[in-house]
PDB file of N, CA and C in Angstrom:
ATOM      1  N   GLY A   1     -12.702   1.075   6.150  1.00  0.00           N
ATOM      2  CA  GLY A   1     -12.937   1.429   4.780  1.00  0.00           C
ATOM      3  C   GLY A   1     -13.482   0.263   3.961  1.00  0.00           C
ATOM      4  N   LEU A   2     -12.937  -0.932   4.191  1.00  0.00           N
ATOM      5  CA  LEU A   2     -13.428  -2.100   3.442  1.00  0.00           C
ATOM      6  C   LEU A   2     -14.869  -2.419   3.815  1.00  0.00           C
ATOM      7  N   GLU A   3     -15.224  -2.225   5.088  1.00  0.00           N
ATOM      8  CA  GLU A   3     -16.614  -2.432   5.514  1.00  0.00           C
ATOM      9  C   GLU A   3     -17.544  -1.467   4.796  1.00  0.00           C
ATOM     10  N   MET A   4     -17.110  -0.220   4.674  1.00  0.00           N
ATOM     11  CA  MET A   4     -17.930   0.789   4.000  1.00  0.00           C
ATOM     12  C   MET A   4     -18.160   0.412   2.544  1.00  0.00           C
ATOM     13  N   LEU A   5     -17.152  -0.155   1.900  1.00  0.00           N
ATOM     14  CA  LEU A   5     -17.294  -0.561   0.498  1.00  0.00           C
ATOM     15  C   LEU A   5     -18.255  -1.729   0.338  1.00  0.00           C
ATOM     16  N   GLN A   6     -18.400  -2.551   1.357  1.00  0.00           N
ATOM     17  CA  GLN A   6     -19.352  -3.663   1.286  1.00  0.00           C
ATOM     18  C   GLN A   6     -20.791  -3.164   1.358  1.00  0.00           C
ATOM     19  N   LYS A   7     -20.989  -2.044   2.053  1.00  0.00           N
ATOM     20  CA  LYS A   7     -22.341  -1.544   2.299  1.00  0.00           C
ATOM     21  C   LYS A   7     -22.759  -0.407   1.376  1.00  0.00           C
ATOM     22  N   ASN A   8     -21.790   0.238   0.711  1.00  0.00           N
ATOM     23  CA  ASN A   8     -22.070   1.421  -0.097  1.00  0.00           C
ATOM     24  C   ASN A   8     -21.354   1.336  -1.434  1.00  0.00           C
ATOM     25  N   THR A   9     -21.746   2.201  -2.344  1.00  0.00           N
ATOM     26  CA  THR A   9     -21.092   2.302  -3.644  1.00  0.00           C
ATOM     27  C   THR A   9     -20.301   3.603  -3.679  1.00  0.00           C
ATOM     28  N   PHE A  10     -19.059   3.511  -4.104  1.00  0.00           N
ATOM     29  CA  PHE A  10     -18.196   4.680  -4.212  1.00  0.00           C
ATOM     30  C   PHE A  10     -17.564   4.727  -5.595  1.00  0.00           C
ATOM     31  N   ASP A  11     -17.322   5.918  -6.093  1.00  0.00           N
ATOM     32  CA  ASP A  11     -16.630   6.093  -7.367  1.00  0.00           C
ATOM     33  C   ASP A  11     -15.129   6.163  -7.170  1.00  0.00           C
ATOM     34  N   ILE A  12     -14.710   6.728  -6.038  1.00  0.00           N
ATOM     35  CA  ILE A  12     -13.284   6.949  -5.803  1.00  0.00           C
ATOM     36  C   ILE A  12     -12.964   6.723  -4.329  1.00  0.00           C
ATOM     37  N   CYS A  13     -11.738   6.276  -4.087  1.00  0.00           N
ATOM     38  CA  CYS A  13     -11.248   6.042  -2.740  1.00  0.00           C
ATOM     39  C   CYS A  13      -9.846   6.638  -2.649  1.00  0.00           C
ATOM     40  N   ILE A  14      -9.567   7.344  -1.563  1.00  0.00           N
ATOM     41  CA  ILE A  14      -8.234   7.896  -1.336  1.00  0.00           C
ATOM     42  C   ILE A  14      -7.623   7.130  -0.172  1.00  0.00           C
ATOM     43  N   LEU A  15      -6.480   6.509  -0.424  1.00  0.00           N
ATOM     44  CA  LEU A  15      -5.814   5.682   0.581  1.00  0.00           C
ATOM     45  C   LEU A  15      -4.416   6.182   0.883  1.00  0.00           C
ATOM     46  N   ASP A  16      -4.052   6.113   2.130  1.00  0.00           N
ATOM     47  CA  ASP A  16      -2.666   6.348   2.533  1.00  0.00           C
ATOM     48  C   ASP A  16      -1.995   4.982   2.627  1.00  0.00           C
ATOM     49  N   ILE A  17      -0.700   4.925   2.417  1.00  0.00           N
ATOM     50  CA  ILE A  17       0.005   3.652   2.578  1.00  0.00           C
ATOM     51  C   ILE A  17       0.127   3.305   4.057  1.00  0.00           C
ATOM     52  N   GLY A  18       0.468   4.288   4.876  1.00  0.00           N
ATOM     53  CA  GLY A  18       0.654   4.033   6.301  1.00  0.00           C
ATOM     54  C   GLY A  18      -0.650   4.085   7.058  1.00  0.00           C
ATOM     55  N   MET A  19      -1.179   2.908   7.395  1.00  0.00           N
ATOM     56  CA  MET A  19      -2.415   2.823   8.172  1.00  0.00           C
ATOM     57  C   MET A  19      -2.238   1.738   9.222  1.00  0.00           C
ATOM     58  N   PRO A  20      -2.962   1.824  10.325  1.00  0.00           N
ATOM     59  CA  PRO A  20      -2.850   0.778  11.347  1.00  0.00           C
ATOM     60  C   PRO A  20      -3.491  -0.531  10.875  1.00  0.00           C
ATOM     61  N   GLY A  21      -2.883  -1.619  11.246  1.00  0.00           N
ATOM     62  CA  GLY A  21      -3.455  -2.926  10.924  1.00  0.00           C
ATOM     63  C   GLY A  21      -3.056  -3.458   9.569  1.00  0.00           C
ATOM     64  N   MET A  22      -3.440  -2.789   8.535  1.00  0.00           N
ATOM     65  CA  MET A  22      -3.174  -3.226   7.167  1.00  0.00           C
ATOM     66  C   MET A  22      -2.698  -2.015   6.379  1.00  0.00           C
ATOM     67  N   ASP A  23      -1.630  -2.167   5.605  1.00  0.00           N
ATOM     68  CA  ASP A  23      -1.164  -0.991   4.865  1.00  0.00           C
ATOM     69  C   ASP A  23      -2.038  -0.740   3.635  1.00  0.00           C
ATOM     70  N   GLY A  24      -1.940   0.468   3.121  1.00  0.00           N
ATOM     71  CA  GLY A  24      -2.781   0.890   2.010  1.00  0.00           C
ATOM     72  C   GLY A  24      -2.604   0.072   0.746  1.00  0.00           C
ATOM     73  N   LEU A  25      -1.419  -0.478   0.524  1.00  0.00           N
ATOM     74  CA  LEU A  25      -1.206  -1.318  -0.660  1.00  0.00           C
ATOM     75  C   LEU A  25      -1.991  -2.616  -0.545  1.00  0.00           C
ATOM     76  N   GLN A  26      -2.086  -3.167   0.652  1.00  0.00           N
ATOM     77  CA  GLN A  26      -2.897  -4.365   0.866  1.00  0.00           C
ATOM     78  C   GLN A  26      -4.376  -4.054   0.655  1.00  0.00           C
ATOM     79  N   VAL A  27      -4.808  -2.915   1.179  1.00  0.00           N
ATOM     80  CA  VAL A  27      -6.211  -2.507   1.019  1.00  0.00           C
ATOM     81  C   VAL A  27      -6.506  -2.245  -0.462  1.00  0.00           C
ATOM     82  N   LEU A  28      -5.588  -1.609  -1.159  1.00  0.00           N
ATOM     83  CA  LEU A  28      -5.748  -1.362  -2.596  1.00  0.00           C
ATOM     84  C   LEU A  28      -5.971  -2.665  -3.339  1.00  0.00           C
ATOM     85  N   GLU A  29      -5.171  -3.658  -3.037  1.00  0.00           N
ATOM     86  CA  GLU A  29      -5.296  -4.949  -3.716  1.00  0.00           C
ATOM     87  C   GLU A  29      -6.668  -5.571  -3.480  1.00  0.00           C
ATOM     88  N   ILE A  30      -7.157  -5.504  -2.257  1.00  0.00           N
ATOM     89  CA  ILE A  30      -8.478  -6.054  -1.934  1.00  0.00           C
ATOM     90  C   ILE A  30      -9.575  -5.271  -2.643  1.00  0.00           C
ATOM     91  N   ILE A  31      -9.474  -3.956  -2.624  1.00  0.00           N
ATOM     92  CA  ILE A  31     -10.492  -3.128  -3.292  1.00  0.00           C
ATOM     93  C   ILE A  31     -10.557  -3.465  -4.778  1.00  0.00           C
ATOM     94  N   LYS A  32      -9.412  -3.546  -5.431  1.00  0.00           N
ATOM     95  CA  LYS A  32      -9.407  -3.797  -6.877  1.00  0.00           C
ATOM     96  C   LYS A  32      -9.916  -5.203  -7.207  1.00  0.00           C
ATOM     97  N   GLU A  33      -9.732  -6.168  -6.308  1.00  0.00           N
ATOM     98  CA  GLU A  33     -10.272  -7.519  -6.515  1.00  0.00           C
ATOM     99  C   GLU A  33     -11.787  -7.531  -6.380  1.00  0.00           C
ATOM    100  N   ARG A  34     -12.296  -6.847  -5.364  1.00  0.00           N
ATOM    101  CA  ARG A  34     -13.733  -6.884  -5.044  1.00  0.00           C
ATOM    102  C   ARG A  34     -14.549  -5.823  -5.769  1.00  0.00           C
ATOM    103  N   HIS A  35     -13.918  -4.676  -6.070  1.00  0.00           N
ATOM    104  CA  HIS A  35     -14.625  -3.537  -6.666  1.00  0.00           C
ATOM    105  C   HIS A  35     -13.746  -2.918  -7.753  1.00  0.00           C
ATOM    106  N   PRO A  36     -13.548  -3.613  -8.855  1.00  0.00           N
ATOM    107  CA  PRO A  36     -12.589  -3.145  -9.871  1.00  0.00           C
ATOM    108  C   PRO A  36     -12.912  -1.787 -10.485  1.00  0.00           C
ATOM    109  N   ASP A  37     -14.153  -1.345 -10.388  1.00  0.00           N
ATOM    110  CA  ASP A  37     -14.526  -0.061 -10.991  1.00  0.00           C
ATOM    111  C   ASP A  37     -14.226   1.143 -10.098  1.00  0.00           C
ATOM    112  N   VAL A  38     -13.905   0.914  -8.828  1.00  0.00           N
ATOM    113  CA  VAL A  38     -13.596   2.015  -7.918  1.00  0.00           C
ATOM    114  C   VAL A  38     -12.201   2.550  -8.250  1.00  0.00           C
ATOM    115  N   LYS A  39     -12.112   3.837  -8.481  1.00  0.00           N
ATOM    116  CA  LYS A  39     -10.814   4.471  -8.719  1.00  0.00           C
ATOM    117  C   LYS A  39     -10.156   4.719  -7.370  1.00  0.00           C
ATOM    118  N   VAL A  40      -8.915   4.261  -7.234  1.00  0.00           N
ATOM    119  CA  VAL A  40      -8.190   4.429  -5.976  1.00  0.00           C
ATOM    120  C   VAL A  40      -6.988   5.333  -6.217  1.00  0.00           C
ATOM    121  N   VAL A  41      -6.933   6.408  -5.452  1.00  0.00           N
ATOM    122  CA  VAL A  41      -5.786   7.315  -5.493  1.00  0.00           C
ATOM    123  C   VAL A  41      -5.007   7.118  -4.201  1.00  0.00           C
ATOM    124  N   MET A  42      -3.734   6.812  -4.332  1.00  0.00           N
ATOM    125  CA  MET A  42      -2.870   6.650  -3.172  1.00  0.00           C
ATOM    126  C   MET A  42      -2.321   8.026  -2.796  1.00  0.00           C
ATOM    127  N   LEU A  43      -2.254   8.277  -1.503  1.00  0.00           N
ATOM    128  CA  LEU A  43      -1.778   9.551  -0.974  1.00  0.00           C
ATOM    129  C   LEU A  43      -0.831   9.213   0.165  1.00  0.00           C
ATOM    130  N   SER A  44       0.461   9.494   0.000  1.00  0.00           N
ATOM    131  CA  SER A  44       1.383   9.043   1.025  1.00  0.00           C
ATOM    132  C   SER A  44       2.687   9.819   1.051  1.00  0.00           C
ATOM    133  N   ALA A  45       3.279   9.901   2.227  1.00  0.00           N
ATOM    134  CA  ALA A  45       4.625  10.448   2.377  1.00  0.00           C
ATOM    135  C   ALA A  45       5.660   9.393   1.999  1.00  0.00           C
ATOM    136  N   ARG A  46       5.223   8.147   1.909  1.00  0.00           N
ATOM    137  CA  ARG A  46       6.098   7.038   1.526  1.00  0.00           C
ATOM    138  C   ARG A  46       6.098   6.873   0.006  1.00  0.00           C
ATOM    139  N   SER A  47       6.488   7.929  -0.660  1.00  0.00           N
ATOM    140  CA  SER A  47       6.386   7.948  -2.124  1.00  0.00           C
ATOM    141  C   SER A  47       7.682   7.496  -2.798  1.00  0.00           C
ATOM    142  N   THR A  48       8.219   6.383  -2.336  1.00  0.00           N
ATOM    143  CA  THR A  48       9.395   5.830  -2.992  1.00  0.00           C
ATOM    144  C   THR A  48       9.002   5.302  -4.360  1.00  0.00           C
ATOM    145  N   LYS A  49       9.973   5.182  -5.230  1.00  0.00           N
ATOM    146  CA  LYS A  49       9.695   4.657  -6.571  1.00  0.00           C
ATOM    147  C   LYS A  49       9.042   3.281  -6.475  1.00  0.00           C
ATOM    148  N   GLY A  50       9.516   2.461  -5.543  1.00  0.00           N
ATOM    149  CA  GLY A  50       8.947   1.125  -5.371  1.00  0.00           C
ATOM    150  C   GLY A  50       7.488   1.153  -4.962  1.00  0.00           C
ATOM    151  N   ASN A  51       7.133   2.033  -4.019  1.00  0.00           N
ATOM    152  CA  ASN A  51       5.734   2.136  -3.586  1.00  0.00           C
ATOM    153  C   ASN A  51       4.839   2.660  -4.702  1.00  0.00           C
ATOM    154  N   VAL A  52       5.318   3.635  -5.430  1.00  0.00           N
ATOM    155  CA  VAL A  52       4.526   4.183  -6.535  1.00  0.00           C
ATOM    156  C   VAL A  52       4.297   3.109  -7.597  1.00  0.00           C
ATOM    157  N   MET A  53       5.349   2.413  -7.979  1.00  0.00           N
ATOM    158  CA  MET A  53       5.228   1.370  -9.005  1.00  0.00           C
ATOM    159  C   MET A  53       4.305   0.243  -8.541  1.00  0.00           C
ATOM    160  N   LYS A  54       4.447  -0.179  -7.295  1.00  0.00           N
ATOM    161  CA  LYS A  54       3.597  -1.236  -6.752  1.00  0.00           C
ATOM    162  C   LYS A  54       2.136  -0.810  -6.762  1.00  0.00           C
ATOM    163  N   ALA A  55       1.866   0.417  -6.334  1.00  0.00           N
ATOM    164  CA  ALA A  55       0.487   0.913  -6.319  1.00  0.00           C
ATOM    165  C   ALA A  55      -0.109   0.924  -7.725  1.00  0.00           C
ATOM    166  N   LEU A  56       0.650   1.389  -8.681  1.00  0.00           N
ATOM    167  CA  LEU A  56       0.144   1.430 -10.063  1.00  0.00           C
ATOM    168  C   LEU A  56      -0.047   0.028 -10.624  1.00  0.00           C
ATOM    169  N   GLN A  57       0.855  -0.894 -10.300  1.00  0.00           N
ATOM    170  CA  GLN A  57       0.707  -2.280 -10.746  1.00  0.00           C
ATOM    171  C   GLN A  57      -0.528  -2.936 -10.140  1.00  0.00           C
ATOM    172  N   LEU A  58      -0.859  -2.551  -8.918  1.00  0.00           N
ATOM    173  CA  LEU A  58      -2.039  -3.113  -8.260  1.00  0.00           C
ATOM    174  C   LEU A  58      -3.340  -2.471  -8.731  1.00  0.00           C
ATOM    175  N   GLY A  59      -3.223  -1.433  -9.555  1.00  0.00           N
ATOM    176  CA  GLY A  59      -4.421  -0.835 -10.128  1.00  0.00           C
ATOM    177  C   GLY A  59      -4.781   0.543  -9.632  1.00  0.00           C
ATOM    178  N   ALA A  60      -3.882   1.195  -8.896  1.00  0.00           N
ATOM    179  CA  ALA A  60      -4.173   2.558  -8.444  1.00  0.00           C
ATOM    180  C   ALA A  60      -4.371   3.477  -9.644  1.00  0.00           C
ATOM    181  N   TYR A  61      -5.301   4.372  -9.504  1.00  0.00           N
ATOM    182  CA  TYR A  61      -5.607   5.352 -10.548  1.00  0.00           C
ATOM    183  C   TYR A  61      -4.557   6.453 -10.570  1.00  0.00           C
ATOM    184  N   GLY A  62      -3.942   6.695  -9.413  1.00  0.00           N
ATOM    185  CA  GLY A  62      -2.928   7.729  -9.310  1.00  0.00           C
ATOM    186  C   GLY A  62      -2.237   7.662  -7.972  1.00  0.00           C
ATOM    187  N   PHE A  63      -1.167   8.438  -7.839  1.00  0.00           N
ATOM    188  CA  PHE A  63      -0.391   8.470  -6.601  1.00  0.00           C
ATOM    189  C   PHE A  63       0.018   9.912  -6.358  1.00  0.00           C
ATOM    190  N   VAL A  64      -0.317  10.429  -5.189  1.00  0.00           N
ATOM    191  CA  VAL A  64       0.026  11.801  -4.828  1.00  0.00           C
ATOM    192  C   VAL A  64       0.936  11.746  -3.603  1.00  0.00           C
ATOM    193  N   ALA A  65       2.105  12.373  -3.714  1.00  0.00           N
ATOM    194  CA  ALA A  65       3.075  12.374  -2.620  1.00  0.00           C
ATOM    195  C   ALA A  65       2.773  13.488  -1.634  1.00  0.00           C
ATOM    196  N   LYS A  66       2.868  13.175  -0.337  1.00  0.00           N
ATOM    197  CA  LYS A  66       2.751  14.180   0.717  1.00  0.00           C
ATOM    198  C   LYS A  66       4.114  14.807   0.948  1.00  0.00           C
ATOM    199  N   PRO A  67       4.188  16.035   1.334  1.00  0.00           N
ATOM    200  CA  PRO A  67       3.084  17.007   1.324  1.00  0.00           C
ATOM    201  C   PRO A  67       2.733  17.356  -0.120  1.00  0.00           C
ATOM    202  N   PHE A  68       1.520  17.760  -0.327  1.00  0.00           N
ATOM    203  CA  PHE A  68       1.066  18.019  -1.681  1.00  0.00           C
ATOM    204  C   PHE A  68       0.324  19.343  -1.765  1.00  0.00           C
ATOM    205  N   ALA A  69       0.338  19.885  -2.957  1.00  0.00           N
ATOM    206  CA  ALA A  69      -0.452  21.092  -3.226  1.00  0.00           C
ATOM    207  C   ALA A  69      -1.886  20.652  -3.495  1.00  0.00           C
ATOM    208  N   GLU A  70      -2.828  21.463  -3.121  1.00  0.00           N
ATOM    209  CA  GLU A  70      -4.242  21.132  -3.293  1.00  0.00           C
ATOM    210  C   GLU A  70      -4.554  20.690  -4.719  1.00  0.00           C
ATOM    211  N   GLY A  71      -3.996  21.350  -5.677  1.00  0.00           N
ATOM    212  CA  GLY A  71      -4.280  21.036  -7.076  1.00  0.00           C
ATOM    213  C   GLY A  71      -3.780  19.671  -7.501  1.00  0.00           C
ATOM    214  N   SER A  72      -2.723  19.173  -6.883  1.00  0.00           N
ATOM    215  CA  SER A  72      -2.199  17.870  -7.303  1.00  0.00           C
ATOM    216  C   SER A  72      -3.145  16.738  -6.935  1.00  0.00           C
ATOM    217  N   LEU A  73      -3.852  16.856  -5.841  1.00  0.00           N
ATOM    218  CA  LEU A  73      -4.868  15.845  -5.505  1.00  0.00           C
ATOM    219  C   LEU A  73      -6.118  16.068  -6.336  1.00  0.00           C
ATOM    220  N   ARG A  74      -6.508  17.310  -6.498  1.00  0.00           N
ATOM    221  CA  ARG A  74      -7.726  17.634  -7.229  1.00  0.00           C
ATOM    222  C   ARG A  74      -7.688  17.098  -8.667  1.00  0.00           C
ATOM    223  N   GLU A  75      -6.528  17.154  -9.318  1.00  0.00           N
ATOM    224  CA  GLU A  75      -6.449  16.700 -10.715  1.00  0.00           C
ATOM    225  C   GLU A  75      -6.738  15.203 -10.840  1.00  0.00           C
ATOM    226  N   HIS A  76      -6.565  14.431  -9.786  1.00  0.00           N
ATOM    227  CA  HIS A  76      -6.882  12.998  -9.818  1.00  0.00           C
ATOM    228  C   HIS A  76      -8.356  12.738  -9.552  1.00  0.00           C
ATOM    229  N   LEU A  77      -9.063  13.731  -9.030  1.00  0.00           N
ATOM    230  CA  LEU A  77     -10.450  13.538  -8.646  1.00  0.00           C
ATOM    231  C   LEU A  77     -11.444  13.927  -9.728  1.00  0.00           C
ATOM    232  N   TYR A  78     -10.989  14.616 -10.761  1.00  0.00           N
ATOM    233  CA  TYR A  78     -11.916  15.064 -11.815  1.00  0.00           C
ATOM    234  C   TYR A  78     -11.614  14.434 -13.123  1.00  0.00           C
TER     235      TYR A  78
END
């Protein structure tokens, strides 16, 4: 995902916290440092209060807990 951001322009990025190699909160921090205008929505089953607060502090545009209704993700995209 970070490679794609170096080569392309995106308005929004949807990240999960649980990813191989680097967790989504680490990726969020890098994205916001390098591409502050990209809106990042976190999408995760790890929706603890701590994870939600950390994501928002790092600049996430929103946080959607899994499992989710289609409309709950859609409202962050428009």
